[in-house]
C-alpha atoms as a PDB file:
ATOM      1  CA  MET A   1       1.729 -64.682 -35.995  1.00  0.00           C
ATOM      2  CA  GLU A   2       1.193 -63.344 -32.530  1.00  0.00           C
ATOM      3  CA  LYS A   3       1.999 -65.276 -29.373  1.00  0.00           C
ATOM      4  CA  LYS A   4      -0.716 -66.452 -27.256  1.00  0.00           C
ATOM      5  CA  LEU A   5      -0.306 -67.738 -23.695  1.00  0.00           C
ATOM      6  CA  TYR A   6      -1.906 -71.242 -22.854  1.00  0.00           C
ATOM      7  CA  LYS A   7      -1.386 -73.967 -20.297  1.00  0.00           C
ATOM      8  CA  SER A   8       0.993 -76.529 -21.806  1.00  0.00           C
ATOM      9  CA  ASN A   9      -0.208 -80.183 -22.636  1.00  0.00           C
ATOM     10  CA  LYS A  10       3.307 -81.736 -22.869  1.00  0.00           C
ATOM     11  CA  ASN A  11       5.494 -80.595 -20.202  1.00  0.00           C
ATOM     12  CA  LYS A  12       3.094 -80.236 -17.086  1.00  0.00           C
ATOM     13  CA  MET A  13       3.517 -81.273 -13.546  1.00  0.00           C
ATOM     14  CA  ILE A  14       0.123 -80.094 -12.096  1.00  0.00           C
ATOM     15  CA  ASP A  15      -1.667 -78.070 -14.689  1.00  0.00           C
ATOM     16  CA  GLY A  16       0.748 -76.909 -17.209  1.00  0.00           C
ATOM     17  CA  VAL A  17       0.784 -73.137 -16.140  1.00  0.00           C
ATOM     18  CA  CYS A  18       4.444 -72.703 -15.184  1.00  0.00           C
ATOM     19  CA  ALA A  19       5.197 -74.860 -18.317  1.00  0.00           C
ATOM     20  CA  GLY A  20       2.855 -72.783 -20.514  1.00  0.00           C
ATOM     21  CA  ILE A  21       4.405 -69.441 -19.230  1.00  0.00           C
ATOM     22  CA  ALA A  22       7.923 -70.864 -19.996  1.00  0.00           C
ATOM     23  CA  GLU A  23       7.089 -71.754 -23.495  1.00  0.00           C
ATOM     24  CA  TYR A  24       5.660 -68.071 -24.086  1.00  0.00           C
ATOM     25  CA  PHE A  25       8.838 -66.649 -22.821  1.00  0.00           C
ATOM     26  CA  GLY A  26      11.297 -69.138 -24.382  1.00  0.00           C
ATOM     27  CA  ILE A  27      12.905 -70.264 -21.032  1.00  0.00           C
ATOM     28  CA  ASP A  28      13.360 -73.502 -19.186  1.00  0.00           C
ATOM     29  CA  PRO A  29      10.213 -74.608 -17.272  1.00  0.00           C
ATOM     30  CA  THR A  30      12.434 -75.804 -14.333  1.00  0.00           C
ATOM     31  CA  LEU A  31      13.212 -71.795 -13.911  1.00  0.00           C
ATOM     32  CA  VAL A  32       9.603 -70.890 -13.622  1.00  0.00           C
ATOM     33  CA  ARG A  33       8.569 -73.722 -11.280  1.00  0.00           C
ATOM     34  CA  LEU A  34      11.519 -72.476  -8.880  1.00  0.00           C
ATOM     35  CA  GLY A  35      10.478 -69.052  -9.210  1.00  0.00           C
ATOM     36  CA  THR A  36       7.006 -70.074  -8.190  1.00  0.00           C
ATOM     37  CA  VAL A  37       8.148 -71.886  -5.146  1.00  0.00           C
ATOM     38  CA  VAL A  38      10.774 -68.996  -4.040  1.00  0.00           C
ATOM     39  CA  LEU A  39       7.375 -66.309  -4.371  1.00  0.00           C
ATOM     40  CA  SER A  40       5.382 -69.211  -2.273  1.00  0.00           C
ATOM     41  CA  CYS A  41       8.158 -69.445   0.425  1.00  0.00           C
ATOM     42  CA  ALA A  42       9.001 -65.818   0.537  1.00  0.00           C
ATOM     43  CA  VAL A  43       5.829 -63.912   0.285  1.00  0.00           C
ATOM     44  CA  GLY A  44       3.184 -66.311   0.305  1.00  0.00           C
ATOM     45  CA  SER A  45       1.500 -65.077  -3.161  1.00  0.00           C
ATOM     46  CA  GLY A  46       2.767 -67.931  -5.183  1.00  0.00           C
ATOM     47  CA  ILE A  47       0.087 -70.550  -4.548  1.00  0.00           C
ATOM     48  CA  LEU A  48      -2.523 -67.795  -5.025  1.00  0.00           C
ATOM     49  CA  ALA A  49      -0.973 -66.746  -8.449  1.00  0.00           C
ATOM     50  CA  TYR A  50      -0.873 -70.193  -9.453  1.00  0.00           C
ATOM     51  CA  ILE A  51      -4.447 -70.951  -8.560  1.00  0.00           C
ATOM     52  CA  ILE A  52      -5.462 -67.825 -10.508  1.00  0.00           C
ATOM     53  CA  CYS A  53      -3.459 -68.600 -13.520  1.00  0.00           C
ATOM     54  CA  ALA A  54      -5.120 -71.915 -13.483  1.00  0.00           C
ATOM     55  CA  CYS A  55      -8.331 -70.657 -13.515  1.00  0.00           C
ATOM     56  CA  ILE A  56      -7.500 -67.975 -16.114  1.00  0.00           C
ATOM     57  CA  ILE A  57      -5.317 -69.168 -18.875  1.00  0.00           C
ATOM     58  CA  PRO A  58      -6.820 -71.546 -21.529  1.00  0.00           C
ATOM     59  CA  ARG A  59      -5.760 -75.064 -22.096  1.00  0.00           C
ATOM     60  CA  ASP A  60      -3.388 -75.232 -25.539  1.00  0.00           C
ATOM     61  CA  PRO A  61      -5.852 -76.293 -28.329  1.00  0.00           C
ATOM     62  CA  ASN A  62      -3.280 -78.082 -30.007  1.00  0.00           C
END
């Protein structure tokens, strides 16, 4: 069975992107959320990356 990246329905804050990425890689969603905040503050690309992922990544059908 192959893994697929989906936005999370059960552990979401805004749109479930960070929780979906965390589920895909098997890590804590808080770490992904902190990484997004660090990217947003340091480089400024975190917000843009989140918006792009929110548009591209499909919602979990389950």
